[in-house]
Protein backbone atom coordinates (compact mmCIF):
# COMPACT_ATOMS: atom_id res chain seq x y z
CA MET A 1 8.24 17.61 28.06
CA THR A 2 9.61 14.80 30.06
CA SER A 3 9.82 11.93 27.49
CA ILE A 4 9.77 11.33 23.77
CA SER A 5 6.29 9.89 24.13
CA ASP A 6 5.05 13.37 25.16
CA ILE A 7 5.68 14.41 21.45
CA PHE A 8 2.79 12.16 20.42
CA GLU A 9 0.62 12.63 23.47
CA HIS A 10 0.51 16.41 22.82
CA PHE A 11 0.56 16.44 19.14
CA PRO A 12 0.40 20.08 18.11
CA GLY A 13 -1.38 19.44 14.70
CA ARG A 14 -0.10 19.59 11.12
CA PRO A 15 2.31 22.46 10.34
CA ASP A 16 1.14 25.52 8.52
CA THR A 17 2.24 25.81 4.97
CA GLN A 18 3.31 28.56 2.60
CA ASP A 19 2.85 28.21 -1.13
CA GLY A 20 6.21 27.65 -2.81
CA VAL A 21 8.07 27.06 0.45
CA TYR A 22 8.76 23.54 1.70
CA SER A 23 9.77 22.49 5.20
CA ASP A 24 12.65 20.19 6.06
CA ASP A 25 10.16 17.34 6.62
CA GLU A 26 8.76 17.75 3.17
CA VAL A 27 12.19 17.84 1.59
CA ARG A 28 13.04 14.63 3.40
CA LEU A 29 9.83 12.99 1.99
CA ALA A 30 10.77 14.10 -1.46
CA ASN A 31 14.19 12.61 -1.13
CA ARG A 32 12.79 9.28 0.38
CA ASN A 33 10.10 8.83 -2.26
CA ALA A 34 10.47 8.75 -6.00
CA GLY A 35 8.45 9.75 -9.07
CA ILE A 36 8.63 8.48 -12.60
CA LEU A 37 10.83 10.27 -15.10
CA LEU A 38 8.19 11.60 -17.37
CA GLU A 39 9.96 10.68 -20.51
CA ALA A 40 9.71 7.01 -19.25
CA LEU A 41 5.91 7.19 -19.90
CA HIS A 42 7.14 6.18 -23.41
CA HIS A 43 7.29 2.67 -22.02
CA ASP A 44 4.07 0.57 -22.05
CA ILE A 45 5.34 -1.18 -18.98
CA THR A 46 7.39 1.05 -16.64
CA PRO A 47 10.86 -0.34 -15.78
CA THR A 48 10.89 -1.33 -12.15
CA GLY A 49 13.51 1.14 -11.16
CA LEU A 50 11.43 3.92 -12.67
CA HIS A 51 8.06 3.12 -11.16
CA TYR A 52 6.91 5.83 -8.67
CA LEU A 53 7.29 5.07 -5.06
CA LEU A 54 5.43 6.36 -1.98
CA ILE A 55 6.32 4.96 1.51
CA HIS A 56 4.01 6.04 4.21
CA PHE A 57 6.17 4.69 7.20
CA ASP A 58 9.44 2.91 7.59
CA VAL A 59 10.05 -0.01 5.18
CA PRO A 60 9.63 -3.23 7.26
CA HIS A 61 12.01 -6.18 7.11
CA ILE A 62 10.03 -9.40 6.64
CA ALA A 63 11.83 -12.68 6.33
CA THR A 64 10.35 -14.45 3.25
CA ASP A 65 10.89 -18.04 4.67
CA THR A 66 8.86 -17.34 7.77
CA TYR A 67 6.24 -14.95 6.28
CA GLN A 68 2.63 -15.70 7.02
CA LEU A 69 -0.56 -13.90 5.84
CA ALA A 70 -3.41 -14.17 8.37
CA PHE A 71 -7.06 -14.29 7.36
CA ASP A 72 -7.94 -13.28 11.01
CA GLN A 73 -10.96 -11.62 12.73
CA GLY A 74 -14.47 -11.80 11.35
CA PHE A 75 -14.01 -15.02 9.45
CA ASN A 76 -15.68 -18.29 10.19
CA ALA A 77 -12.80 -20.35 8.92
CA PRO A 78 -9.63 -18.30 9.68
CA PHE A 79 -6.33 -19.56 8.57
CA THR A 80 -2.85 -18.41 7.65
CA ALA A 81 -0.85 -18.84 4.43
CA SER A 82 2.87 -18.70 3.80
CA LEU A 83 4.28 -17.28 0.62
CA ALA A 84 4.79 -20.88 -0.76
CA ASP A 85 1.03 -21.50 -0.12
CA ILE A 86 0.20 -18.37 -2.10
CA LYS A 87 2.47 -19.33 -4.96
CA ALA A 88 0.97 -22.75 -5.20
CA LEU A 89 -2.40 -21.33 -6.13
CA PRO A 90 -3.40 -20.54 -9.66
CA GLN A 91 -1.28 -17.60 -10.82
CA GLN A 92 -1.87 -14.80 -13.32
CA THR A 93 0.16 -11.82 -14.48
CA VAL A 94 -1.77 -8.56 -15.27
CA PRO A 95 -0.60 -5.17 -16.29
CA VAL A 96 -1.97 -2.58 -13.90
CA THR A 97 -1.33 1.17 -13.76
CA LEU A 98 -1.09 2.71 -10.35
CA GLU A 99 -1.38 6.50 -9.52
CA CYS A 100 -1.05 8.18 -6.30
CA ALA A 101 -4.05 10.27 -5.07
CA GLY A 102 -1.64 13.01 -4.19
CA ASN A 103 -0.70 13.70 -7.92
CA GLY A 104 -0.99 17.48 -8.51
CA ARG A 105 -1.02 18.31 -4.79
CA VAL A 106 1.91 20.74 -5.21
CA GLY A 107 -0.39 23.05 -7.21
CA LEU A 108 -3.11 23.38 -4.54
CA SER A 109 -3.45 26.60 -2.61
CA PRO A 110 -3.54 26.60 0.26
CA ARG A 111 -1.64 23.25 0.13
CA VAL A 112 -1.43 20.52 2.79
CA HIS A 113 1.88 19.57 4.56
CA SER A 114 2.71 16.42 2.72
CA MET A 115 4.60 14.81 -0.11
CA PRO A 116 4.79 17.59 -2.74
CA TRP A 117 3.85 15.59 -5.88
CA SER A 118 3.42 17.22 -9.21
CA CYS A 119 2.36 14.74 -11.85
CA GLU A 120 5.08 12.13 -11.55
CA ALA A 121 3.38 9.66 -9.28
CA VAL A 122 2.28 7.06 -11.83
CA GLY A 123 3.56 3.77 -13.27
CA THR A 124 2.38 0.62 -15.07
CA SER A 125 3.94 -2.78 -14.02
CA GLU A 126 3.12 -6.31 -14.78
CA TRP A 127 2.05 -7.93 -11.43
CA THR A 128 2.11 -11.65 -10.80
CA GLY A 129 0.13 -13.32 -8.08
CA THR A 130 -3.22 -14.95 -7.35
CA PRO A 131 -6.76 -13.61 -7.18
CA LEU A 132 -7.92 -12.76 -3.71
CA GLY A 133 -11.56 -13.91 -4.19
CA PRO A 134 -11.11 -17.61 -3.73
CA LEU A 135 -9.11 -17.07 -0.56
CA LEU A 136 -11.86 -14.98 0.98
CA GLU A 137 -14.32 -17.71 0.12
CA GLN A 138 -12.11 -20.20 1.90
CA ALA A 139 -11.97 -17.98 5.01
CA LYS A 140 -15.75 -17.58 4.85
CA PRO A 141 -16.50 -13.91 6.06
CA ALA A 142 -19.12 -13.90 8.75
CA SER A 143 -22.64 -12.93 7.84
CA GLY A 144 -23.19 -9.30 7.64
CA THR A 145 -19.68 -8.50 6.60
CA VAL A 146 -19.51 -5.00 5.25
CA ASP A 147 -15.75 -4.33 4.61
CA ILE A 148 -12.59 -6.37 4.30
CA VAL A 149 -9.60 -4.74 5.93
CA PHE A 150 -6.09 -5.06 4.68
CA THR A 151 -3.21 -4.28 7.08
CA GLY A 152 0.51 -3.94 6.29
CA ALA A 153 3.56 -4.51 8.40
CA ASP A 154 4.56 -0.87 8.22
CA ARG A 155 3.86 1.15 11.40
CA GLY A 156 4.32 4.88 12.18
CA PHE A 157 2.72 7.92 13.63
CA ASP A 158 0.10 10.13 11.92
CA LYS A 159 -1.34 13.08 13.87
CA GLY A 160 0.18 11.79 16.94
CA VAL A 161 -1.33 8.31 16.76
CA GLU A 162 0.67 5.12 16.15
CA HIS A 163 -0.86 2.72 13.77
CA ALA A 164 -0.15 0.34 11.02
CA PHE A 165 -1.00 1.25 7.48
CA GLY A 166 -4.19 -0.17 6.25
CA ARG A 167 -7.10 0.14 3.83
CA SER A 168 -10.48 -1.46 3.26
CA LEU A 169 -12.69 -2.52 0.53
CA SER A 170 -16.27 -3.87 0.40
CA LEU A 171 -16.84 -7.38 -0.86
CA GLU A 172 -18.62 -5.96 -3.88
CA GLN A 173 -15.68 -3.90 -4.76
CA ILE A 174 -13.24 -6.74 -4.39
CA ASN A 175 -15.34 -8.89 -6.76
CA GLU A 176 -15.64 -6.00 -9.38
CA LEU A 177 -12.01 -4.95 -9.27
CA ASP A 178 -10.26 -8.27 -9.60
CA VAL A 179 -8.04 -7.71 -6.52
CA MET A 180 -4.84 -9.69 -6.35
CA LEU A 181 -2.30 -10.90 -3.83
CA VAL A 182 0.97 -10.12 -5.59
CA HIS A 183 4.54 -11.45 -5.11
CA SER A 184 6.22 -10.41 -8.21
CA MET A 185 6.71 -7.21 -10.30
CA ASN A 186 7.89 -7.26 -13.93
CA GLY A 187 8.92 -10.92 -13.71
CA GLN A 188 10.95 -10.49 -10.53
CA PRO A 189 10.29 -10.89 -6.80
CA LEU A 190 8.97 -7.66 -5.17
CA LEU A 191 11.66 -5.35 -3.96
CA PRO A 192 11.54 -4.33 -0.35
CA GLN A 193 10.31 -0.77 -1.08
CA HIS A 194 7.47 -2.20 -3.24
CA GLY A 195 6.02 -4.36 -0.62
CA ALA A 196 8.01 -7.60 -0.45
CA PRO A 197 7.23 -10.28 0.04
CA LEU A 198 3.51 -9.82 -0.65
CA ARG A 199 1.24 -6.92 -1.30
CA LEU A 200 -2.27 -6.18 -2.60
CA ILE A 201 -2.91 -4.83 -6.09
CA VAL A 202 -6.32 -3.12 -6.62
CA PRO A 203 -6.87 -2.34 -10.38
CA GLY A 204 -8.80 0.94 -10.94
CA TRP A 205 -8.12 2.55 -7.53
CA TYR A 206 -5.44 4.96 -6.42
CA GLY A 207 -2.26 3.32 -5.27
CA MET A 208 -2.97 3.78 -1.56
CA ALA A 209 -5.53 0.98 -1.87
CA SER A 210 -2.77 -1.55 -2.86
CA VAL A 211 -1.41 -2.20 0.61
CA LYS A 212 2.20 -3.24 0.73
CA TRP A 213 3.87 -5.70 3.13
CA LEU A 214 0.48 -7.29 3.57
CA THR A 215 0.24 -9.28 6.77
CA ARG A 216 -3.44 -9.46 7.88
CA ILE A 217 -6.87 -9.53 6.48
CA ASP A 218 -9.97 -9.01 8.57
CA ALA A 219 -13.66 -8.86 8.00
CA LEU A 220 -15.72 -6.16 9.54
CA GLN A 221 -19.53 -6.06 10.12
């Protein structure tokens, strides 16, 4: 091996696992992320410091005053919007419960090499922002658009491939789910670990769909 890049060019695959035994990497993940204290489920709205947290890659630093969200490829009227532009639009505050799709993963056998969640990856917050739908209408997705892709500023390696974290939804799903662009959580600006300065909130879907540190939206045919 002649350089660090060889680690990713010759990715050996995911490590084998043994039930009940956790690797150093999994321990680091468990220390880096956080689950709700189950007794805090007593609260209708989870205190911000107790809301579960899953960070896929490193937390990016994004300057609020220069932040831009790009409605980019696949739109007939692409544009960018600053955080101030987003806040100037009609605002709403909605309580939404998020849960990680990995809840219960620790009980699987054989289990995958990943964050060893039990049942603590859940929380309910009051999210403040603006509906996504009108902004998509302004950007005008090209005829034949199938999916809208949301990309965050967080980048890392998975299975040896470097990429930014992203998810997609169909236009129909976006209309049905009241998807929002969110800048505040429980009445306060988003914390860095929760996606500041702007993130997606997708009610009714697992938390992985609510892309944090949102920087780009594309339309795919």
